């Protein structure tokens, strides 16, 4: 996959940024292609802070970090839902 973004500063096009990714990494880490543009934008933002407007690439580490963070967030949300459901069940019990 090859995606390009226009770098704009004060309303003027300054550079075209290109980022590439191996699509097999999306499959490997169960990342949907729809998440690609967001991942690319995040990667470019991080890269531009450090290395400037050169060729960029989504790596295995980038997709692994994204998939791990997503799984952690889903687990946290599931735990919150579980606690909320338990609280609802306990509060709906008749007083003995």
N, C-alpha and C. Protein backbone atom coordinates (compact mmCIF):
# COMPACT_ATOMS: atom_id res chain seq x y z
N UNK A 1 0.86 -1.16 0.00
CA UNK A 1 0.00 0.00 0.00
C UNK A 1 0.91 1.22 0.00
N UNK A 2 0.55 2.20 -0.80
CA UNK A 2 1.28 3.46 -0.86
C UNK A 2 0.26 4.58 -0.74
N UNK A 3 0.44 5.44 0.23
CA UNK A 3 -0.49 6.54 0.48
C UNK A 3 0.29 7.83 0.53
N UNK A 4 -0.31 8.90 0.02
CA UNK A 4 0.38 10.18 0.10
C UNK A 4 -0.52 11.21 0.77
N UNK A 5 0.12 12.13 1.46
CA UNK A 5 -0.55 13.22 2.14
C UNK A 5 0.14 14.51 1.73
N UNK A 6 -0.62 15.57 1.64
CA UNK A 6 -0.03 16.88 1.34
C UNK A 6 0.32 17.57 2.64
N UNK A 7 1.57 18.01 2.73
CA UNK A 7 1.99 18.80 3.88
C UNK A 7 1.64 20.25 3.61
N UNK A 8 0.86 20.85 4.49
CA UNK A 8 0.39 22.22 4.29
C UNK A 8 0.81 23.05 5.50
N UNK A 9 1.36 24.21 5.20
CA UNK A 9 1.73 25.13 6.27
C UNK A 9 1.21 26.51 5.91
N UNK A 10 0.43 27.09 6.82
CA UNK A 10 -0.17 28.41 6.61
C UNK A 10 -0.93 28.48 5.29
N UNK A 11 -1.64 27.38 4.98
CA UNK A 11 -2.49 27.35 3.80
C UNK A 11 -1.78 27.09 2.49
N UNK A 12 -0.49 26.85 2.50
CA UNK A 12 0.27 26.61 1.28
C UNK A 12 0.88 25.21 1.30
N UNK A 13 0.76 24.51 0.18
CA UNK A 13 1.34 23.19 0.04
C UNK A 13 2.85 23.30 0.14
N UNK A 14 3.46 22.56 1.07
CA UNK A 14 4.90 22.64 1.24
C UNK A 14 5.62 21.37 0.78
N UNK A 15 4.97 20.24 0.91
CA UNK A 15 5.62 18.98 0.55
C UNK A 15 4.56 17.88 0.42
N UNK A 16 4.85 16.90 -0.42
CA UNK A 16 3.98 15.73 -0.48
C UNK A 16 4.68 14.62 0.29
N UNK A 17 3.98 14.09 1.28
CA UNK A 17 4.53 13.03 2.14
C UNK A 17 4.00 11.69 1.67
N UNK A 18 4.87 10.72 1.52
CA UNK A 18 4.49 9.39 1.05
C UNK A 18 4.82 8.38 2.13
N UNK A 19 3.87 7.49 2.37
CA UNK A 19 4.08 6.42 3.35
C UNK A 19 3.67 5.11 2.71
N UNK A 20 4.45 4.08 2.96
CA UNK A 20 4.15 2.76 2.41
C UNK A 20 3.95 1.77 3.54
N UNK A 21 3.24 0.69 3.21
CA UNK A 21 3.00 -0.38 4.20
C UNK A 21 2.83 -1.69 3.46
N UNK A 22 3.30 -2.74 4.05
CA UNK A 22 3.12 -4.09 3.54
C UNK A 22 1.74 -4.56 4.01
N UNK A 23 0.85 -4.82 3.08
CA UNK A 23 -0.52 -5.20 3.44
C UNK A 23 -0.60 -6.51 4.21
N UNK A 24 0.40 -7.37 4.06
CA UNK A 24 0.36 -8.62 4.83
C UNK A 24 0.48 -8.35 6.33
N UNK A 25 1.08 -7.21 6.69
CA UNK A 25 1.16 -6.86 8.11
C UNK A 25 -0.21 -6.53 8.68
N UNK A 26 -1.09 -5.95 7.85
CA UNK A 26 -2.46 -5.68 8.29
C UNK A 26 -3.15 -6.99 8.64
N UNK A 27 -2.98 -8.00 7.78
CA UNK A 27 -3.58 -9.31 8.03
C UNK A 27 -2.97 -9.96 9.27
N UNK A 28 -1.67 -9.89 9.36
CA UNK A 28 -0.96 -10.52 10.47
C UNK A 28 -1.44 -9.99 11.82
N UNK A 29 -1.71 -8.69 11.90
CA UNK A 29 -2.08 -8.07 13.17
C UNK A 29 -3.59 -7.79 13.28
N UNK A 30 -4.37 -8.32 12.34
CA UNK A 30 -5.82 -8.17 12.35
C UNK A 30 -6.24 -6.70 12.38
N UNK A 31 -5.57 -5.90 11.55
CA UNK A 31 -5.89 -4.48 11.42
C UNK A 31 -6.62 -4.32 10.09
N UNK A 32 -7.77 -3.66 10.11
CA UNK A 32 -8.53 -3.49 8.87
C UNK A 32 -7.91 -2.41 8.01
N UNK A 33 -8.10 -2.53 6.72
CA UNK A 33 -7.55 -1.56 5.78
C UNK A 33 -8.15 -0.17 6.02
N UNK A 34 -9.36 -0.11 6.56
CA UNK A 34 -9.99 1.17 6.87
C UNK A 34 -9.22 1.93 7.94
N UNK A 35 -8.47 1.22 8.76
CA UNK A 35 -7.68 1.86 9.81
C UNK A 35 -6.35 2.39 9.27
N UNK A 36 -6.02 2.03 8.03
CA UNK A 36 -4.76 2.43 7.42
C UNK A 36 -4.51 3.93 7.37
N UNK A 37 -5.45 4.74 6.87
CA UNK A 37 -5.20 6.18 6.80
C UNK A 37 -4.92 6.81 8.17
N UNK A 38 -5.63 6.37 9.20
CA UNK A 38 -5.39 6.90 10.54
C UNK A 38 -3.99 6.49 11.03
N UNK A 39 -3.63 5.23 10.80
CA UNK A 39 -2.29 4.77 11.17
C UNK A 39 -1.21 5.56 10.44
N UNK A 40 -1.44 5.80 9.14
CA UNK A 40 -0.47 6.57 8.35
C UNK A 40 -0.33 7.99 8.90
N UNK A 41 -1.44 8.62 9.21
CA UNK A 41 -1.40 9.99 9.73
C UNK A 41 -0.66 10.03 11.06
N UNK A 42 -0.91 9.05 11.92
CA UNK A 42 -0.21 8.99 13.21
C UNK A 42 1.29 8.81 13.01
N UNK A 43 1.64 7.91 12.10
CA UNK A 43 3.05 7.63 11.83
C UNK A 43 3.74 8.88 11.27
N UNK A 44 3.10 9.54 10.33
CA UNK A 44 3.69 10.75 9.75
C UNK A 44 3.87 11.84 10.81
N UNK A 45 2.88 12.00 11.66
CA UNK A 45 2.97 13.00 12.73
C UNK A 45 4.17 12.70 13.62
N UNK A 46 4.34 11.45 13.99
CA UNK A 46 5.47 11.07 14.84
C UNK A 46 6.80 11.24 14.10
N UNK A 47 6.84 10.80 12.85
CA UNK A 47 8.07 10.90 12.07
C UNK A 47 8.48 12.34 11.82
N UNK A 48 7.53 13.19 11.49
CA UNK A 48 7.86 14.57 11.16
C UNK A 48 8.46 15.30 12.35
N UNK A 49 8.06 14.90 13.55
CA UNK A 49 8.63 15.51 14.74
C UNK A 49 10.11 15.14 14.89
N UNK A 50 10.49 14.00 14.32
CA UNK A 50 11.86 13.54 14.51
C UNK A 50 12.74 13.55 13.28
N UNK A 51 12.21 13.05 12.15
CA UNK A 51 13.11 12.87 11.00
C UNK A 51 12.77 13.75 9.80
N UNK A 52 11.64 14.43 9.83
CA UNK A 52 11.31 15.33 8.73
C UNK A 52 10.65 14.64 7.56
N UNK A 53 10.47 15.39 6.46
CA UNK A 53 9.70 14.90 5.32
C UNK A 53 10.52 14.02 4.37
N UNK A 54 10.73 12.77 4.76
CA UNK A 54 11.42 11.80 3.91
C UNK A 54 10.45 10.66 3.63
N UNK A 55 10.92 9.59 3.02
CA UNK A 55 10.07 8.43 2.81
C UNK A 55 9.75 7.80 4.16
N UNK A 56 8.51 7.39 4.31
CA UNK A 56 8.05 6.83 5.57
C UNK A 56 7.45 5.46 5.31
N UNK A 57 7.45 4.61 6.33
CA UNK A 57 6.92 3.27 6.18
C UNK A 57 6.28 2.81 7.47
N UNK A 58 5.09 2.20 7.35
CA UNK A 58 4.47 1.54 8.50
C UNK A 58 5.19 0.20 8.65
N UNK A 59 5.73 -0.04 9.82
CA UNK A 59 6.50 -1.25 10.06
C UNK A 59 5.69 -2.26 10.85
N UNK A 60 6.25 -3.44 10.97
CA UNK A 60 5.65 -4.47 11.80
C UNK A 60 5.45 -3.95 13.22
N UNK A 61 6.43 -3.22 13.74
CA UNK A 61 6.34 -2.69 15.10
C UNK A 61 5.20 -1.68 15.23
N UNK A 62 4.98 -0.86 14.19
CA UNK A 62 3.90 0.12 14.21
C UNK A 62 2.54 -0.58 14.31
N UNK A 63 2.35 -1.60 13.47
CA UNK A 63 1.06 -2.30 13.47
C UNK A 63 0.89 -3.14 14.73
N UNK A 64 1.97 -3.72 15.23
CA UNK A 64 1.90 -4.48 16.48
C UNK A 64 1.51 -3.57 17.64
N UNK A 65 2.14 -2.39 17.71
CA UNK A 65 1.81 -1.44 18.78
C UNK A 65 0.36 -1.00 18.69
N UNK A 66 -0.13 -0.75 17.48
CA UNK A 66 -1.52 -0.34 17.28
C UNK A 66 -2.46 -1.45 17.72
N UNK A 67 -2.20 -2.68 17.27
CA UNK A 67 -3.08 -3.81 17.60
C UNK A 67 -3.06 -4.09 19.10
N UNK A 68 -1.90 -3.97 19.73
CA UNK A 68 -1.80 -4.19 21.18
C UNK A 68 -2.57 -3.13 21.95
N UNK A 69 -2.41 -1.88 21.55
CA UNK A 69 -3.14 -0.79 22.23
C UNK A 69 -4.64 -0.96 22.06
N UNK A 70 -5.07 -1.36 20.86
CA UNK A 70 -6.49 -1.57 20.62
C UNK A 70 -7.02 -2.71 21.48
N UNK A 71 -6.28 -3.81 21.57
CA UNK A 71 -6.71 -4.95 22.39
C UNK A 71 -6.77 -4.57 23.87
N UNK A 72 -5.79 -3.80 24.34
CA UNK A 72 -5.80 -3.34 25.73
C UNK A 72 -7.02 -2.47 26.01
N UNK A 73 -7.35 -1.58 25.08
CA UNK A 73 -8.51 -0.70 25.25
C UNK A 73 -9.81 -1.50 25.26
N UNK A 74 -9.91 -2.49 24.36
CA UNK A 74 -11.10 -3.34 24.33
C UNK A 74 -11.25 -4.13 25.63
N UNK A 75 -10.13 -4.63 26.16
CA UNK A 75 -10.18 -5.37 27.43
C UNK A 75 -10.60 -4.47 28.57
N UNK A 76 -10.09 -3.23 28.57
CA UNK A 76 -10.46 -2.28 29.63
C UNK A 76 -11.96 -1.97 29.56
N UNK A 77 -12.48 -1.76 28.35
CA UNK A 77 -13.91 -1.47 28.19
C UNK A 77 -14.76 -2.67 28.61
N UNK A 78 -14.31 -3.87 28.27
CA UNK A 78 -15.06 -5.07 28.65
C UNK A 78 -15.10 -5.22 30.17
N UNK A 79 -14.00 -4.90 30.84
CA UNK A 79 -13.97 -4.97 32.30
C UNK A 79 -14.92 -3.95 32.92
N UNK A 80 -14.94 -2.75 32.38
CA UNK A 80 -15.85 -1.71 32.89
C UNK A 80 -17.30 -2.15 32.70
N UNK A 81 -17.61 -2.72 31.52
CA UNK A 81 -18.98 -3.21 31.27
C UNK A 81 -19.34 -4.34 32.24
N UNK A 82 -18.40 -5.23 32.48
CA UNK A 82 -18.65 -6.35 33.39
C UNK A 82 -18.94 -5.86 34.80
N UNK A 83 -18.17 -4.90 35.26
CA UNK A 83 -18.39 -4.34 36.59
C UNK A 83 -19.73 -3.62 36.65
N UNK A 84 -20.07 -2.87 35.60
CA UNK A 84 -21.35 -2.16 35.56
C UNK A 84 -22.51 -3.15 35.57
N UNK A 85 -22.39 -4.25 34.82
CA UNK A 85 -23.45 -5.26 34.80
C UNK A 85 -23.60 -5.92 36.17
N UNK A 86 -22.49 -6.22 36.82
CA UNK A 86 -22.53 -6.81 38.15
C UNK A 86 -23.20 -5.85 39.13
N UNK A 87 -22.85 -4.59 39.07
CA UNK A 87 -23.46 -3.59 39.95
C UNK A 87 -24.97 -3.50 39.72
N UNK A 88 -25.38 -3.55 38.45
CA UNK A 88 -26.82 -3.51 38.15
C UNK A 88 -27.54 -4.72 38.72
N UNK A 89 -26.93 -5.90 38.57
CA UNK A 89 -27.56 -7.12 39.11
C UNK A 89 -27.65 -7.05 40.62
N UNK A 90 -26.58 -6.59 41.25
CA UNK A 90 -26.61 -6.51 42.71
C UNK A 90 -27.60 -5.48 43.22
N UNK A 91 -27.73 -4.36 42.52
CA UNK A 91 -28.66 -3.33 42.97
C UNK A 91 -30.12 -3.69 42.68
N UNK A 92 -30.35 -4.64 41.76
CA UNK A 92 -31.74 -5.00 41.44
C UNK A 92 -32.24 -6.19 42.27
N UNK A 93 -31.38 -6.74 43.11
CA UNK A 93 -31.79 -7.85 43.98
C UNK A 93 -32.74 -7.32 45.05
N UNK A 94 -33.75 -8.11 45.35
CA UNK A 94 -34.63 -7.70 46.45
C UNK A 94 -33.88 -7.79 47.77
N UNK A 95 -34.16 -6.86 48.65
CA UNK A 95 -33.54 -6.86 49.97
C UNK A 95 -34.08 -8.01 50.79
N UNK A 96 -33.17 -8.73 51.43
CA UNK A 96 -33.61 -9.90 52.25
C UNK A 96 -33.63 -9.57 53.69
